[in-house]
Amino acid sequence: MFAVTILGNNSAIPTLDRHPTAQIVTCNDQLLLVDCGEGTQLQMARYKIKRSRLRYIFISHLHGDHYFGLIGLLNSLSLLGRTETLTVFAPPELETILLLQLECSGTTLQFQLQFVPLTAENQGVILEDKDLCVSFFPTRHRIPCYGFIFEVQKRKRKIIPEQTRAYEIPAAYFSKLQEGADYQRKDGLLVKNDWVTLPPLPGKRYVYCADTMYTEELLPHAEKADLLYHETTYLHNLAERAAERYHSTSVQAATLALNADAKRLIIGHFSSKYSDLEPFLEESRPVFENTDLAEEGVTYLI
């Protein structure tokens, strides 16, 4: 399973029914948390997210609405008996912030907290785990901010049943064929792998564009995304304000998705000044039809 669950879809100030940014990426048997705004752990409980399956946390930048919920979540995980290492990918200053909070409260976590710093100089692949590859890239925001690409790679080749029967290859050998091995028959014939298998199916890509003003510099990273998330803090009549605050509008997010040839777009990070979110779709869909709101509690399959 490869999917994204929205825990928070609002920008800086929470509302009674919308929370600051947080998402769960599900990749088979593991969970990855992307940003951790205030109230994230309550949202995880509300939507029955199994915290024990959380392995990695990715923090895009150090504006509070993207990480103020993290220290509370870490403390709760420790109190609940977690012992497995938890890895946090974030701007390097976050390590200092969290360690200071733990020190000042006299808190010792019962698990190892591992930090991987994100800087513009080391952008690229930061995680390769099983079939998952994660890389990051800079966005255009008031402070250093990064987007993430989550890619599930199909590594196993596809068996062609009629061909394996024709060459009399036993089923017990299929796992090796899927890994790319040839088959040596007892009569001496070497059956080449590409005679009986097809290349792996293409992988799936989820691209998370964190806080950013509109910039076509993001196009190479968002290109042909199966699912693209892009912030839309404002409706398009406030495009000037969006630019001043290094944010984007509904039309700009849709334009990026269109130019990137993405398959699907979800938009979020809405300003709390808006109580009705439908106008965001009304502006986005004429530009990029396959657009949806990032609705809290909804899981989007990739």
C-alpha atoms as a PDB file:
ATOM      1  CA  MET A   1       0.000   0.000   0.000  1.00  0.00           C
ATOM      2  CA  PHE A   2       1.228   3.476  -0.871  1.00  0.00           C
ATOM      3  CA  ALA A   3      -0.970   6.310   0.390  1.00  0.00           C
ATOM      4  CA  VAL A   4      -1.135   9.702   2.096  1.00  0.00           C
ATOM      5  CA  THR A   5      -3.406  10.528   5.037  1.00  0.00           C
ATOM      6  CA  ILE A   6      -3.999  14.192   5.869  1.00  0.00           C
ATOM      7  CA  LEU A   7      -3.825  15.018   9.580  1.00  0.00           C
ATOM      8  CA  GLY A   8      -3.645  18.799   9.246  1.00  0.00           C
ATOM      9  CA  ASN A   9      -4.405  21.068   6.293  1.00  0.00           C
ATOM     10  CA  ASN A  10      -4.261  24.585   7.737  1.00  0.00           C
ATOM     11  CA  SER A  11      -1.523  27.191   7.816  1.00  0.00           C
ATOM     12  CA  ALA A  12      -0.197  29.099  10.832  1.00  0.00           C
ATOM     13  CA  ILE A  13      -3.250  29.464  13.097  1.00  0.00           C
ATOM     14  CA  PRO A  14      -5.422  26.416  13.916  1.00  0.00           C
ATOM     15  CA  THR A  15      -9.193  26.670  13.673  1.00  0.00           C
ATOM     16  CA  LEU A  16     -11.797  24.593  15.495  1.00  0.00           C
ATOM     17  CA  ASP A  17     -12.013  22.159  12.592  1.00  0.00           C
ATOM     18  CA  ARG A  18      -8.642  22.534  10.833  1.00  0.00           C
ATOM     19  CA  HIS A  19      -5.157  21.840  12.164  1.00  0.00           C
ATOM     20  CA  PRO A  20      -1.622  22.884  11.147  1.00  0.00           C
ATOM     21  CA  THR A  21       0.232  20.836   8.582  1.00  0.00           C
ATOM     22  CA  ALA A  22       0.847  17.133   9.172  1.00  0.00           C
ATOM     23  CA  GLN A  23       0.579  14.097   6.909  1.00  0.00           C
ATOM     24  CA  ILE A  24       1.157  10.362   7.194  1.00  0.00           C
ATOM     25  CA  VAL A  25       2.713   8.549   4.235  1.00  0.00           C
ATOM     26  CA  THR A  26       1.995   4.809   4.357  1.00  0.00           C
ATOM     27  CA  CYS A  27       4.434   2.564   2.553  1.00  0.00           C
ATOM     28  CA  ASN A  28       3.498  -1.082   2.995  1.00  0.00           C
ATOM     29  CA  ASP A  29       4.130  -1.881   6.677  1.00  0.00           C
ATOM     30  CA  GLN A  30       5.721   1.399   7.751  1.00  0.00           C
ATOM     31  CA  LEU A  31       4.499   4.919   8.446  1.00  0.00           C
ATOM     32  CA  LEU A  32       6.310   8.180   7.751  1.00  0.00           C
ATOM     33  CA  LEU A  33       5.238  11.499   9.279  1.00  0.00           C
ATOM     34  CA  VAL A  34       5.632  14.594   7.116  1.00  0.00           C
ATOM     35  CA  ASP A  35       5.613  17.780   9.213  1.00  0.00           C
ATOM     36  CA  CYS A  36       4.182  17.834  12.708  1.00  0.00           C
ATOM     37  CA  GLY A  37       2.083  20.875  13.492  1.00  0.00           C
ATOM     38  CA  GLU A  38       0.395  21.489  16.823  1.00  0.00           C
ATOM     39  CA  GLY A  39      -2.087  18.736  17.712  1.00  0.00           C
ATOM     40  CA  THR A  40      -0.608  16.083  15.440  1.00  0.00           C
ATOM     41  CA  GLN A  41      -0.616  13.348  18.064  1.00  0.00           C
ATOM     42  CA  LEU A  42      -4.302  13.996  18.798  1.00  0.00           C
ATOM     43  CA  GLN A  43      -5.056  13.732  15.086  1.00  0.00           C
ATOM     44  CA  MET A  44      -3.150  10.451  14.950  1.00  0.00           C
ATOM     45  CA  ALA A  45      -5.332   9.122  17.752  1.00  0.00           C
ATOM     46  CA  ARG A  46      -8.510  10.465  16.136  1.00  0.00           C
ATOM     47  CA  TYR A  47      -7.788   8.726  12.827  1.00  0.00           C
ATOM     48  CA  LYS A  48      -6.407   5.557  14.421  1.00  0.00           C
ATOM     49  CA  ILE A  49      -2.848   5.912  13.146  1.00  0.00           C
ATOM     50  CA  LYS A  50      -0.689   3.226  14.758  1.00  0.00           C
ATOM     51  CA  ARG A  51       2.146   5.173  16.343  1.00  0.00           C
ATOM     52  CA  SER A  52       4.146   1.973  16.839  1.00  0.00           C
ATOM     53  CA  ARG A  53       4.596   1.742  13.042  1.00  0.00           C
ATOM     54  CA  LEU A  54       6.101   5.228  12.791  1.00  0.00           C
ATOM     55  CA  ARG A  55       9.721   4.939  11.620  1.00  0.00           C
ATOM     56  CA  TYR A  56      10.707   8.259  10.083  1.00  0.00           C
ATOM     57  CA  ILE A  57       9.740  11.911  10.544  1.00  0.00           C
ATOM     58  CA  PHE A  58      10.366  14.602   7.915  1.00  0.00           C
ATOM     59  CA  ILE A  59      10.208  18.282   8.901  1.00  0.00           C
ATOM     60  CA  SER A  60      10.189  20.685   5.971  1.00  0.00           C
ATOM     61  CA  HIS A  61      11.193  23.855   7.830  1.00  0.00           C
ATOM     62  CA  LEU A  62      11.189  25.552  11.198  1.00  0.00           C
ATOM     63  CA  HIS A  63       8.062  27.677  11.121  1.00  0.00           C
ATOM     64  CA  GLY A  64       6.077  26.572  14.147  1.00  0.00           C
ATOM     65  CA  ASP A  65       3.021  25.338  12.309  1.00  0.00           C
ATOM     66  CA  HIS A  66       5.211  22.596  10.865  1.00  0.00           C
ATOM     67  CA  TYR A  67       6.914  21.292  14.006  1.00  0.00           C
ATOM     68  CA  PHE A  68       5.327  22.598  17.242  1.00  0.00           C
ATOM     69  CA  GLY A  69       3.626  19.238  17.769  1.00  0.00           C
ATOM     70  CA  LEU A  70       6.843  17.240  17.640  1.00  0.00           C
ATOM     71  CA  ILE A  71       8.127  17.440  21.227  1.00  0.00           C
ATOM     72  CA  GLY A  72       4.748  16.328  22.574  1.00  0.00           C
ATOM     73  CA  LEU A  73       4.612  13.396  20.179  1.00  0.00           C
ATOM     74  CA  LEU A  74       8.137  12.278  21.083  1.00  0.00           C
ATOM     75  CA  ASN A  75       7.364  12.457  24.803  1.00  0.00           C
ATOM     76  CA  SER A  76       4.176  10.412  24.338  1.00  0.00           C
ATOM     77  CA  LEU A  77       5.993   7.755  22.321  1.00  0.00           C
ATOM     78  CA  SER A  78       8.489   7.389  25.152  1.00  0.00           C
ATOM     79  CA  LEU A  79       5.763   7.178  27.808  1.00  0.00           C
ATOM     80  CA  LEU A  80       4.038   4.493  25.731  1.00  0.00           C
ATOM     81  CA  GLY A  81       7.186   2.347  25.878  1.00  0.00           C
ATOM     82  CA  ARG A  82       8.760   2.838  22.488  1.00  0.00           C
ATOM     83  CA  THR A  83      12.307   1.463  22.280  1.00  0.00           C
ATOM     84  CA  GLU A  84      12.856   1.395  18.505  1.00  0.00           C
ATOM     85  CA  THR A  85      15.066   4.124  17.033  1.00  0.00           C
ATOM     86  CA  LEU A  86      13.188   7.036  15.448  1.00  0.00           C
ATOM     87  CA  THR A  87      14.876   9.046  12.704  1.00  0.00           C
ATOM     88  CA  VAL A  88      14.104  12.735  12.161  1.00  0.00           C
ATOM     89  CA  PHE A  89      15.070  14.437   8.884  1.00  0.00           C
ATOM     90  CA  ALA A  90      15.011  18.201   9.422  1.00  0.00           C
ATOM     91  CA  PRO A  91      16.934  21.464   9.218  1.00  0.00           C
ATOM     92  CA  PRO A  92      19.919  21.076  11.581  1.00  0.00           C
ATOM     93  CA  GLU A  93      18.695  23.652  14.129  1.00  0.00           C
ATOM     94  CA  LEU A  94      15.824  21.378  15.120  1.00  0.00           C
ATOM     95  CA  GLU A  95      18.173  18.992  16.918  1.00  0.00           C
ATOM     96  CA  THR A  96      19.337  21.828  19.187  1.00  0.00           C
ATOM     97  CA  ILE A  97      15.737  22.900  19.846  1.00  0.00           C
ATOM     98  CA  LEU A  98      14.517  19.417  20.782  1.00  0.00           C
ATOM     99  CA  LEU A  99      17.515  18.527  22.922  1.00  0.00           C
ATOM    100  CA  LEU A 100      17.104  21.810  24.827  1.00  0.00           C
ATOM    101  CA  GLN A 101      13.412  21.093  25.442  1.00  0.00           C
ATOM    102  CA  LEU A 102      14.240  17.622  26.715  1.00  0.00           C
ATOM    103  CA  GLU A 103      17.049  18.930  28.924  1.00  0.00           C
ATOM    104  CA  CYS A 104      14.983  21.745  30.449  1.00  0.00           C
ATOM    105  CA  SER A 105      12.156  19.350  31.307  1.00  0.00           C
ATOM    106  CA  GLY A 106      14.483  16.677  32.672  1.00  0.00           C
ATOM    107  CA  THR A 107      13.123  14.202  30.126  1.00  0.00           C
ATOM    108  CA  THR A 108      15.029  11.146  28.935  1.00  0.00           C
ATOM    109  CA  LEU A 109      13.492   9.397  25.970  1.00  0.00           C
ATOM    110  CA  GLN A 110      13.349   5.612  26.185  1.00  0.00           C
ATOM    111  CA  PHE A 111      14.395   5.287  22.553  1.00  0.00           C
ATOM    112  CA  GLN A 112      17.214   6.637  20.415  1.00  0.00           C
ATOM    113  CA  LEU A 113      16.411   9.803  18.475  1.00  0.00           C
ATOM    114  CA  GLN A 114      18.536  10.004  15.357  1.00  0.00           C
ATOM    115  CA  PHE A 115      18.878  13.281  13.419  1.00  0.00           C
ATOM    116  CA  VAL A 116      19.681  13.673   9.738  1.00  0.00           C
ATOM    117  CA  PRO A 117      20.263  17.346   8.823  1.00  0.00           C
ATOM    118  CA  LEU A 118      18.746  18.838   5.696  1.00  0.00           C
ATOM    119  CA  THR A 119      20.726  21.571   3.983  1.00  0.00           C
ATOM    120  CA  ALA A 120      20.696  22.926   0.451  1.00  0.00           C
ATOM    121  CA  GLU A 121      24.198  21.529  -0.073  1.00  0.00           C
ATOM    122  CA  ASN A 122      23.199  17.907   0.529  1.00  0.00           C
ATOM    123  CA  GLN A 123      19.888  17.828  -1.350  1.00  0.00           C
ATOM    124  CA  GLY A 124      19.072  14.572  -3.064  1.00  0.00           C
ATOM    125  CA  VAL A 125      18.454  11.043  -1.789  1.00  0.00           C
ATOM    126  CA  ILE A 126      18.348  10.808   2.011  1.00  0.00           C
ATOM    127  CA  LEU A 127      16.705   7.435   2.547  1.00  0.00           C
ATOM    128  CA  GLU A 128      16.608   4.093   0.736  1.00  0.00           C
ATOM    129  CA  ASP A 129      14.675   1.498   2.692  1.00  0.00           C
ATOM    130  CA  LYS A 130      13.279  -1.688   1.159  1.00  0.00           C
ATOM    131  CA  ASP A 131      11.317  -0.494  -1.879  1.00  0.00           C
ATOM    132  CA  LEU A 132      11.142   3.131  -0.705  1.00  0.00           C
ATOM    133  CA  CYS A 133      13.408   5.962  -1.820  1.00  0.00           C
ATOM    134  CA  VAL A 134      13.100   9.472  -0.340  1.00  0.00           C
ATOM    135  CA  SER A 135      14.837  12.584  -1.637  1.00  0.00           C
ATOM    136  CA  PHE A 136      14.451  16.279  -0.869  1.00  0.00           C
ATOM    137  CA  PHE A 137      14.756  19.594  -2.665  1.00  0.00           C
ATOM    138  CA  PRO A 138      14.628  23.310  -1.727  1.00  0.00           C
ATOM    139  CA  THR A 139      11.468  25.364  -2.126  1.00  0.00           C
ATOM    140  CA  ARG A 140      11.235  29.185  -2.141  1.00  0.00           C
ATOM    141  CA  HIS A 141      10.210  30.385   1.310  1.00  0.00           C
ATOM    142  CA  ARG A 142      11.221  33.038   3.866  1.00  0.00           C
ATOM    143  CA  ILE A 143      13.536  30.618   5.654  1.00  0.00           C
ATOM    144  CA  PRO A 144      15.228  27.421   4.403  1.00  0.00           C
ATOM    145  CA  CYS A 145      12.433  25.039   3.453  1.00  0.00           C
ATOM    146  CA  TYR A 146      12.376  21.710   1.664  1.00  0.00           C
ATOM    147  CA  GLY A 147       9.998  19.506  -0.256  1.00  0.00           C
ATOM    148  CA  PHE A 148      10.156  15.716  -0.343  1.00  0.00           C
ATOM    149  CA  ILE A 149       9.809  13.038  -3.008  1.00  0.00           C
ATOM    150  CA  PHE A 150       8.600   9.635  -1.829  1.00  0.00           C
ATOM    151  CA  GLU A 151       9.084   6.964  -4.458  1.00  0.00           C
ATOM    152  CA  VAL A 152       8.103   3.318  -4.215  1.00  0.00           C
ATOM    153  CA  GLN A 153      10.306   1.364  -6.550  1.00  0.00           C
ATOM    154  CA  LYS A 154       9.179  -1.931  -8.072  1.00  0.00           C
ATOM    155  CA  ARG A 155      12.347  -4.020  -8.056  1.00  0.00           C
ATOM    156  CA  LYS A 156      10.978  -7.481  -8.918  1.00  0.00           C
ATOM    157  CA  ARG A 157      10.559  -8.593 -12.518  1.00  0.00           C
ATOM    158  CA  LYS A 158       7.175  -9.897 -13.679  1.00  0.00           C
ATOM    159  CA  ILE A 159       6.848 -13.601 -14.465  1.00  0.00           C
ATOM    160  CA  ILE A 160       5.392 -14.623 -17.870  1.00  0.00           C
ATOM    161  CA  PRO A 161       3.549 -17.852 -16.901  1.00  0.00           C
ATOM    162  CA  GLU A 162       3.224 -19.317 -20.402  1.00  0.00           C
ATOM    163  CA  GLN A 163       6.948 -18.830 -21.002  1.00  0.00           C
ATOM    164  CA  THR A 164       7.996 -20.467 -17.729  1.00  0.00           C
ATOM    165  CA  ARG A 165       5.795 -23.438 -18.619  1.00  0.00           C
ATOM    166  CA  ALA A 166       7.250 -23.614 -22.117  1.00  0.00           C
ATOM    167  CA  TYR A 167      10.786 -23.744 -20.717  1.00  0.00           C
ATOM    168  CA  GLU A 168       9.746 -26.122 -17.895  1.00  0.00           C
ATOM    169  CA  ILE A 169      10.909 -23.869 -15.065  1.00  0.00           C
ATOM    170  CA  PRO A 170       9.654 -25.026 -11.628  1.00  0.00           C
ATOM    171  CA  ALA A 171       7.613 -22.595  -9.546  1.00  0.00           C
ATOM    172  CA  ALA A 172      10.141 -22.909  -6.732  1.00  0.00           C
ATOM    173  CA  TYR A 173      12.602 -20.957  -8.915  1.00  0.00           C
ATOM    174  CA  PHE A 174      10.252 -18.046  -9.635  1.00  0.00           C
ATOM    175  CA  SER A 175      11.566 -15.868  -6.795  1.00  0.00           C
ATOM    176  CA  LYS A 176      15.046 -15.987  -8.344  1.00  0.00           C
ATOM    177  CA  LEU A 177      13.636 -15.137 -11.758  1.00  0.00           C
ATOM    178  CA  GLN A 178      11.946 -12.091 -10.206  1.00  0.00           C
ATOM    179  CA  GLU A 179      15.359 -10.999  -8.947  1.00  0.00           C
ATOM    180  CA  GLY A 180      16.799 -11.233 -12.473  1.00  0.00           C
ATOM    181  CA  ALA A 181      18.507 -14.646 -12.450  1.00  0.00           C
ATOM    182  CA  ASP A 182      18.786 -16.909 -15.497  1.00  0.00           C
ATOM    183  CA  TYR A 183      17.755 -20.594 -15.271  1.00  0.00           C
ATOM    184  CA  GLN A 184      20.042 -23.525 -16.087  1.00  0.00           C
ATOM    185  CA  ARG A 185      18.060 -26.569 -17.225  1.00  0.00           C
ATOM    186  CA  LYS A 186      19.277 -30.115 -16.643  1.00  0.00           C
ATOM    187  CA  ASP A 187      19.588 -30.642 -20.394  1.00  0.00           C
ATOM    188  CA  GLY A 188      22.153 -27.817 -20.515  1.00  0.00           C
ATOM    189  CA  LEU A 189      19.932 -25.076 -21.952  1.00  0.00           C
ATOM    190  CA  LEU A 190      20.484 -21.710 -20.278  1.00  0.00           C
ATOM    191  CA  VAL A 191      17.147 -19.917 -20.179  1.00  0.00           C
ATOM    192  CA  LYS A 192      17.777 -16.172 -20.249  1.00  0.00           C
ATOM    193  CA  ASN A 193      15.799 -14.174 -17.738  1.00  0.00           C
ATOM    194  CA  ASP A 194      14.291 -11.811 -20.296  1.00  0.00           C
ATOM    195  CA  TRP A 195      12.826 -14.806 -22.146  1.00  0.00           C
ATOM    196  CA  VAL A 196      10.490 -15.562 -19.253  1.00  0.00           C
ATOM    197  CA  THR A 197      10.040 -12.255 -17.410  1.00  0.00           C
ATOM    198  CA  LEU A 198       9.126  -8.637 -18.041  1.00  0.00           C
ATOM    199  CA  PRO A 199      10.831  -5.564 -16.526  1.00  0.00           C
ATOM    200  CA  PRO A 200       9.493  -4.311 -13.180  1.00  0.00           C
ATOM    201  CA  LEU A 201       6.419  -2.115 -13.276  1.00  0.00           C
ATOM    202  CA  PRO A 202       7.123   1.622 -12.996  1.00  0.00           C
ATOM    203  CA  GLY A 203       7.353   3.006  -9.464  1.00  0.00           C
ATOM    204  CA  LYS A 204       4.937   5.483  -7.924  1.00  0.00           C
ATOM    205  CA  ARG A 205       5.926   9.005  -6.824  1.00  0.00           C
ATOM    206  CA  TYR A 206       4.407  11.283  -4.204  1.00  0.00           C
ATOM    207  CA  VAL A 207       5.841  14.809  -4.281  1.00  0.00           C
ATOM    208  CA  TYR A 208       5.310  17.065  -1.275  1.00  0.00           C
ATOM    209  CA  CYS A 209       5.892  20.745  -2.056  1.00  0.00           C
ATOM    210  CA  ALA A 210       6.051  22.417   1.334  1.00  0.00           C
ATOM    211  CA  ASP A 211       5.612  26.149   1.947  1.00  0.00           C
ATOM    212  CA  THR A 212       6.719  28.016  -1.152  1.00  0.00           C
ATOM    213  CA  MET A 213       5.990  30.916  -3.411  1.00  0.00           C
ATOM    214  CA  TYR A 214       5.200  30.017  -7.010  1.00  0.00           C
ATOM    215  CA  THR A 215       8.367  29.082  -8.845  1.00  0.00           C
ATOM    216  CA  GLU A 216       9.004  26.947 -11.887  1.00  0.00           C
ATOM    217  CA  GLU A 217      12.218  25.799 -10.210  1.00  0.00           C
ATOM    218  CA  LEU A 218      10.015  23.088  -8.664  1.00  0.00           C
ATOM    219  CA  LEU A 219       8.990  21.630 -12.027  1.00  0.00           C
ATOM    220  CA  PRO A 220      11.868  19.126 -12.370  1.00  0.00           C
ATOM    221  CA  HIS A 221      11.025  17.704  -8.931  1.00  0.00           C
ATOM    222  CA  ALA A 222       7.253  17.553  -9.498  1.00  0.00           C
ATOM    223  CA  GLU A 223       7.471  16.220 -13.055  1.00  0.00           C
ATOM    224  CA  LYS A 224       5.022  13.370 -13.760  1.00  0.00           C
ATOM    225  CA  ALA A 225       4.198  12.908 -10.073  1.00  0.00           C
ATOM    226  CA  ASP A 226       1.483  10.327  -9.473  1.00  0.00           C
ATOM    227  CA  LEU A 227       0.304  12.542  -6.625  1.00  0.00           C
ATOM    228  CA  LEU A 228       1.463  16.110  -6.017  1.00  0.00           C
ATOM    229  CA  TYR A 229       0.797  18.125  -2.866  1.00  0.00           C
ATOM    230  CA  HIS A 230       1.209  21.881  -3.211  1.00  0.00           C
ATOM    231  CA  GLU A 231       0.389  24.599  -0.724  1.00  0.00           C
ATOM    232  CA  THR A 232      -2.418  27.058  -1.527  1.00  0.00           C
ATOM    233  CA  THR A 233      -2.470  29.511   1.351  1.00  0.00           C
ATOM    234  CA  TYR A 234      -4.568  32.079  -0.514  1.00  0.00           C
ATOM    235  CA  LEU A 235      -7.125  32.416  -3.258  1.00  0.00           C
ATOM    236  CA  HIS A 236      -5.791  34.057  -6.391  1.00  0.00           C
ATOM    237  CA  ASN A 237      -7.143  37.557  -5.712  1.00  0.00           C
ATOM    238  CA  LEU A 238      -4.475  37.719  -2.990  1.00  0.00           C
ATOM    239  CA  ALA A 239      -1.603  36.718  -5.290  1.00  0.00           C
ATOM    240  CA  GLU A 240       0.374  39.812  -4.321  1.00  0.00           C
ATOM    241  CA  ARG A 241       0.063  39.031  -0.617  1.00  0.00           C
ATOM    242  CA  ALA A 242       1.033  35.419  -1.323  1.00  0.00           C
ATOM    243  CA  ALA A 243       4.221  36.533  -3.067  1.00  0.00           C
ATOM    244  CA  GLU A 244       5.097  38.952  -0.262  1.00  0.00           C
ATOM    245  CA  ARG A 245       4.778  36.134   2.286  1.00  0.00           C
ATOM    246  CA  TYR A 246       6.446  33.500   0.085  1.00  0.00           C
ATOM    247  CA  HIS A 247       3.256  31.475  -0.333  1.00  0.00           C
ATOM    248  CA  SER A 248       1.164  30.346  -3.302  1.00  0.00           C
ATOM    249  CA  THR A 249      -2.398  30.637  -4.538  1.00  0.00           C
ATOM    250  CA  SER A 250      -4.892  28.107  -5.849  1.00  0.00           C
ATOM    251  CA  VAL A 251      -4.277  29.016  -9.491  1.00  0.00           C
ATOM    252  CA  GLN A 252      -0.500  28.906  -9.047  1.00  0.00           C
ATOM    253  CA  ALA A 253      -0.576  25.423  -7.508  1.00  0.00           C
ATOM    254  CA  ALA A 254      -2.771  24.166 -10.340  1.00  0.00           C
ATOM    255  CA  THR A 255      -0.493  25.794 -12.914  1.00  0.00           C
ATOM    256  CA  LEU A 256       2.535  24.016 -11.465  1.00  0.00           C
ATOM    257  CA  ALA A 257       0.702  20.672 -11.552  1.00  0.00           C
ATOM    258  CA  LEU A 258      -0.304  21.287 -15.173  1.00  0.00           C
ATOM    259  CA  ASN A 259       3.188  22.256 -16.291  1.00  0.00           C
ATOM    260  CA  ALA A 260       4.724  19.343 -14.374  1.00  0.00           C
ATOM    261  CA  ASP A 261       2.362  16.892 -16.106  1.00  0.00           C
ATOM    262  CA  ALA A 262       1.309  15.527 -12.718  1.00  0.00           C
ATOM    263  CA  LYS A 263      -1.454  12.935 -12.579  1.00  0.00           C
ATOM    264  CA  ARG A 264      -3.252  14.295  -9.515  1.00  0.00           C
ATOM    265  CA  LEU A 265      -3.010  17.365  -7.269  1.00  0.00           C
ATOM    266  CA  ILE A 266      -4.072  17.866  -3.669  1.00  0.00           C
ATOM    267  CA  ILE A 267      -3.967  21.374  -2.212  1.00  0.00           C
ATOM    268  CA  GLY A 268      -3.653  22.461   1.405  1.00  0.00           C
ATOM    269  CA  HIS A 269      -2.072  24.855   3.928  1.00  0.00           C
ATOM    270  CA  PHE A 270      -5.138  27.076   3.816  1.00  0.00           C
ATOM    271  CA  SER A 271      -5.135  30.418   5.598  1.00  0.00           C
ATOM    272  CA  SER A 272      -7.429  30.477   8.629  1.00  0.00           C
ATOM    273  CA  LYS A 273      -9.127  33.533   7.130  1.00  0.00           C
ATOM    274  CA  TYR A 274     -11.118  31.134   4.919  1.00  0.00           C
ATOM    275  CA  SER A 275     -13.997  29.191   6.454  1.00  0.00           C
ATOM    276  CA  ASP A 276     -15.236  27.824   3.109  1.00  0.00           C
ATOM    277  CA  LEU A 277     -12.654  25.911   1.074  1.00  0.00           C
ATOM    278  CA  GLU A 278     -14.753  25.200  -2.019  1.00  0.00           C
ATOM    279  CA  PRO A 279     -13.554  28.383  -3.783  1.00  0.00           C
ATOM    280  CA  PHE A 280     -10.055  26.864  -3.825  1.00  0.00           C
ATOM    281  CA  LEU A 281     -11.377  24.040  -6.000  1.00  0.00           C
ATOM    282  CA  GLU A 282     -13.422  26.445  -8.109  1.00  0.00           C
ATOM    283  CA  GLU A 283     -10.212  28.304  -8.965  1.00  0.00           C
ATOM    284  CA  SER A 284      -7.920  25.287  -9.316  1.00  0.00           C
ATOM    285  CA  ARG A 285      -9.949  22.836 -11.385  1.00  0.00           C
ATOM    286  CA  PRO A 286     -10.357  25.002 -14.493  1.00  0.00           C
ATOM    287  CA  VAL A 287      -6.532  25.046 -14.673  1.00  0.00           C
ATOM    288  CA  PHE A 288      -5.868  21.467 -13.539  1.00  0.00           C
ATOM    289  CA  GLU A 289      -8.994  19.334 -13.474  1.00  0.00           C
ATOM    290  CA  ASN A 290      -7.743  16.476 -11.297  1.00  0.00           C
ATOM    291  CA  THR A 291      -7.419  18.608  -8.157  1.00  0.00           C
ATOM    292  CA  ASP A 292      -8.766  17.785  -4.697  1.00  0.00           C
ATOM    293  CA  LEU A 293      -8.681  19.473  -1.330  1.00  0.00           C
ATOM    294  CA  ALA A 294      -6.342  17.934   1.235  1.00  0.00           C
ATOM    295  CA  GLU A 295      -9.132  17.028   3.658  1.00  0.00           C
ATOM    296  CA  GLU A 296      -8.277  16.017   7.201  1.00  0.00           C
ATOM    297  CA  GLY A 297      -8.859  12.323   7.892  1.00  0.00           C
ATOM    298  CA  VAL A 298      -8.937  11.417   4.200  1.00  0.00           C
ATOM    299  CA  THR A 299      -6.461   8.899   2.777  1.00  0.00           C
ATOM    300  CA  TYR A 300      -5.350   9.377  -0.841  1.00  0.00           C
ATOM    301  CA  LEU A 301      -4.105   6.232  -2.575  1.00  0.00           C
ATOM    302  CA  ILE A 302      -1.139   6.655  -4.904  1.00  0.00           C
END
